């Protein structure tokens, strides 16, 4: 197998994994164990307090700051 073939195979596997992840993320009531922005574990307390959360507190704070910045 050439390097090009190996890279194509690896890219195909990555694309498939990302596709599955996106499908799961778009399901109603999806529960995320890891932040969709940075990948760290979302604490159980946050998951219980904020239903269907997909980001950790730090990333959510950054998202909200960016949203406020772009509104002005």
N, C-alpha and C. Protein backbone atom coordinates (compact mmCIF):
# COMPACT_ATOMS: atom_id res chain seq x y z
N UNK A 1 0.86 -1.17 0.00
CA UNK A 1 0.00 0.00 0.00
C UNK A 1 0.90 1.24 0.00
N UNK A 2 0.63 2.15 -0.91
CA UNK A 2 1.43 3.37 -0.98
C UNK A 2 1.00 4.35 0.12
N UNK A 3 1.83 5.35 0.33
CA UNK A 3 1.51 6.37 1.33
C UNK A 3 0.23 7.09 0.95
N UNK A 4 0.05 7.38 -0.34
CA UNK A 4 -1.17 8.06 -0.78
C UNK A 4 -2.41 7.23 -0.46
N UNK A 5 -2.33 5.93 -0.70
CA UNK A 5 -3.47 5.05 -0.40
C UNK A 5 -3.75 5.03 1.10
N UNK A 6 -2.70 4.98 1.89
CA UNK A 6 -2.86 4.97 3.35
C UNK A 6 -3.50 6.27 3.82
N UNK A 7 -3.07 7.38 3.24
CA UNK A 7 -3.65 8.67 3.62
C UNK A 7 -5.12 8.76 3.21
N UNK A 8 -5.44 8.25 2.05
CA UNK A 8 -6.83 8.24 1.60
C UNK A 8 -7.70 7.39 2.53
N UNK A 9 -7.17 6.23 2.92
CA UNK A 9 -7.90 5.35 3.82
C UNK A 9 -8.10 6.02 5.17
N UNK A 10 -7.04 6.63 5.69
CA UNK A 10 -7.14 7.32 6.98
C UNK A 10 -8.15 8.47 6.90
N UNK A 11 -8.12 9.24 5.82
CA UNK A 11 -9.06 10.35 5.67
C UNK A 11 -10.49 9.84 5.59
N UNK A 12 -10.69 8.74 4.89
CA UNK A 12 -12.02 8.14 4.78
C UNK A 12 -12.54 7.74 6.17
N UNK A 13 -11.68 7.12 6.97
CA UNK A 13 -12.08 6.70 8.32
C UNK A 13 -12.40 7.91 9.20
N UNK A 14 -11.59 8.96 9.09
CA UNK A 14 -11.84 10.18 9.85
C UNK A 14 -13.16 10.82 9.44
N UNK A 15 -13.40 10.89 8.14
CA UNK A 15 -14.65 11.47 7.64
C UNK A 15 -15.86 10.69 8.14
N UNK A 16 -15.75 9.37 8.14
CA UNK A 16 -16.85 8.53 8.61
C UNK A 16 -17.10 8.76 10.10
N UNK A 17 -16.03 8.84 10.88
CA UNK A 17 -16.17 9.08 12.32
C UNK A 17 -16.80 10.44 12.59
N UNK A 18 -16.39 11.45 11.84
CA UNK A 18 -16.97 12.79 12.01
C UNK A 18 -18.44 12.80 11.62
N UNK A 19 -18.78 12.08 10.59
CA UNK A 19 -20.17 12.01 10.15
C UNK A 19 -21.05 11.39 11.23
N UNK A 20 -20.56 10.32 11.83
CA UNK A 20 -21.31 9.67 12.91
C UNK A 20 -21.46 10.62 14.09
N UNK A 21 -20.38 11.32 14.43
CA UNK A 21 -20.42 12.27 15.54
C UNK A 21 -21.44 13.38 15.28
N UNK A 22 -21.47 13.90 14.06
CA UNK A 22 -22.42 14.97 13.72
C UNK A 22 -23.86 14.47 13.82
N UNK A 23 -24.10 13.25 13.33
CA UNK A 23 -25.45 12.69 13.40
C UNK A 23 -25.90 12.55 14.85
N UNK A 24 -25.02 12.05 15.70
CA UNK A 24 -25.37 11.89 17.11
C UNK A 24 -25.59 13.24 17.78
N UNK A 25 -24.80 14.23 17.40
CA UNK A 25 -24.91 15.56 18.01
C UNK A 25 -26.23 16.23 17.64
N UNK A 26 -26.78 15.89 16.49
CA UNK A 26 -28.00 16.54 16.04
C UNK A 26 -29.27 15.85 16.51
N UNK A 27 -29.14 14.74 17.22
CA UNK A 27 -30.32 14.05 17.73
C UNK A 27 -30.91 14.83 18.89
N UNK A 28 -32.23 14.96 18.93
CA UNK A 28 -32.86 15.63 20.08
C UNK A 28 -32.53 14.88 21.37
N UNK A 29 -32.21 15.63 22.40
CA UNK A 29 -31.91 15.02 23.69
C UNK A 29 -30.54 14.39 23.77
N UNK A 30 -29.66 14.73 22.83
CA UNK A 30 -28.32 14.17 22.84
C UNK A 30 -27.61 14.54 24.13
N UNK A 31 -26.91 13.59 24.69
CA UNK A 31 -26.14 13.83 25.91
C UNK A 31 -24.67 13.81 25.56
N UNK A 32 -23.99 14.88 25.87
CA UNK A 32 -22.57 14.98 25.57
C UNK A 32 -21.76 14.77 26.83
N UNK A 33 -20.80 13.89 26.76
CA UNK A 33 -19.89 13.64 27.87
C UNK A 33 -18.66 14.53 27.75
N UNK A 34 -18.37 14.97 26.53
CA UNK A 34 -17.19 15.80 26.27
C UNK A 34 -17.61 17.07 25.54
N UNK A 35 -16.92 18.16 25.84
CA UNK A 35 -17.18 19.45 25.21
C UNK A 35 -16.96 19.34 23.70
N UNK A 36 -17.91 19.84 22.93
CA UNK A 36 -17.80 19.78 21.48
C UNK A 36 -16.82 20.81 20.93
N UNK A 37 -16.35 21.72 21.77
CA UNK A 37 -15.37 22.73 21.35
C UNK A 37 -13.95 22.31 21.68
N UNK A 38 -13.70 21.91 22.93
CA UNK A 38 -12.33 21.63 23.37
C UNK A 38 -12.07 20.16 23.69
N UNK A 39 -13.12 19.38 23.86
CA UNK A 39 -12.95 17.94 24.07
C UNK A 39 -12.80 17.49 25.51
N UNK A 40 -12.76 18.41 26.47
CA UNK A 40 -12.63 17.97 27.86
C UNK A 40 -13.95 17.40 28.36
N UNK A 41 -13.89 16.64 29.45
CA UNK A 41 -15.10 16.07 30.04
C UNK A 41 -16.01 17.18 30.56
N UNK A 42 -17.30 17.03 30.29
CA UNK A 42 -18.29 17.95 30.87
C UNK A 42 -18.70 17.32 32.20
N UNK A 43 -18.51 18.04 33.31
CA UNK A 43 -18.86 17.48 34.62
C UNK A 43 -20.34 17.08 34.70
N UNK A 44 -20.59 16.01 35.42
CA UNK A 44 -21.96 15.51 35.58
C UNK A 44 -22.88 16.60 36.15
N UNK A 45 -22.36 17.40 37.07
CA UNK A 45 -23.18 18.46 37.66
C UNK A 45 -23.66 19.43 36.58
N UNK A 46 -22.81 19.75 35.63
CA UNK A 46 -23.22 20.66 34.54
C UNK A 46 -24.22 19.96 33.63
N UNK A 47 -23.96 18.70 33.30
CA UNK A 47 -24.89 17.97 32.43
C UNK A 47 -26.27 17.86 33.08
N UNK A 48 -26.30 17.69 34.40
CA UNK A 48 -27.58 17.60 35.11
C UNK A 48 -28.27 18.96 35.17
N UNK A 49 -27.49 20.02 35.37
CA UNK A 49 -28.06 21.36 35.53
C UNK A 49 -28.50 21.97 34.20
N UNK A 50 -27.75 21.70 33.14
CA UNK A 50 -28.04 22.29 31.82
C UNK A 50 -28.31 21.14 30.86
N UNK A 51 -29.56 20.80 30.71
CA UNK A 51 -29.94 19.68 29.84
C UNK A 51 -29.48 19.93 28.41
N UNK A 52 -28.98 18.89 27.78
CA UNK A 52 -28.51 18.92 26.39
C UNK A 52 -27.34 19.86 26.16
N UNK A 53 -26.57 20.18 27.21
CA UNK A 53 -25.42 21.05 26.99
C UNK A 53 -24.37 20.30 26.17
N UNK A 54 -23.67 21.03 25.34
CA UNK A 54 -22.66 20.40 24.49
C UNK A 54 -21.28 21.02 24.69
N UNK A 55 -21.19 21.99 25.59
CA UNK A 55 -19.91 22.65 25.84
C UNK A 55 -19.65 22.75 27.34
N UNK A 56 -18.36 22.86 27.67
CA UNK A 56 -17.98 23.08 29.07
C UNK A 56 -18.27 24.54 29.42
N UNK A 57 -18.17 24.86 30.69
CA UNK A 57 -18.46 26.22 31.15
C UNK A 57 -17.54 27.23 30.48
N UNK A 58 -16.24 26.91 30.40
CA UNK A 58 -15.29 27.86 29.81
C UNK A 58 -15.61 28.15 28.35
N UNK A 59 -15.85 27.11 27.57
CA UNK A 59 -16.15 27.31 26.15
C UNK A 59 -17.48 28.03 25.97
N UNK A 60 -18.48 27.69 26.78
CA UNK A 60 -19.77 28.37 26.67
C UNK A 60 -19.62 29.85 26.99
N UNK A 61 -18.79 30.17 27.98
CA UNK A 61 -18.54 31.57 28.32
C UNK A 61 -17.91 32.31 27.15
N UNK A 62 -16.94 31.67 26.50
CA UNK A 62 -16.30 32.30 25.34
C UNK A 62 -17.29 32.50 24.20
N UNK A 63 -18.15 31.52 23.97
CA UNK A 63 -19.16 31.63 22.92
C UNK A 63 -20.08 32.82 23.20
N UNK A 64 -20.52 32.94 24.45
CA UNK A 64 -21.42 34.04 24.80
C UNK A 64 -20.74 35.39 24.68
N UNK A 65 -19.46 35.47 25.05
CA UNK A 65 -18.71 36.73 24.90
C UNK A 65 -18.59 37.09 23.42
N UNK A 66 -18.29 36.10 22.58
CA UNK A 66 -18.18 36.35 21.14
C UNK A 66 -19.51 36.80 20.57
N UNK A 67 -20.60 36.19 21.01
CA UNK A 67 -21.92 36.57 20.51
C UNK A 67 -22.25 38.01 20.90
N UNK A 68 -21.91 38.41 22.10
CA UNK A 68 -22.15 39.78 22.54
C UNK A 68 -21.30 40.75 21.73
N UNK A 69 -20.07 40.36 21.45
CA UNK A 69 -19.15 41.21 20.70
C UNK A 69 -19.69 41.46 19.28
N UNK A 70 -20.23 40.43 18.66
CA UNK A 70 -20.70 40.57 17.28
C UNK A 70 -22.05 41.26 17.17
N UNK A 71 -22.74 41.43 18.27
CA UNK A 71 -24.04 42.12 18.23
C UNK A 71 -23.87 43.62 18.10
N UNK A 72 -22.71 44.14 18.51
CA UNK A 72 -22.52 45.59 18.54
C UNK A 72 -21.96 46.09 17.26
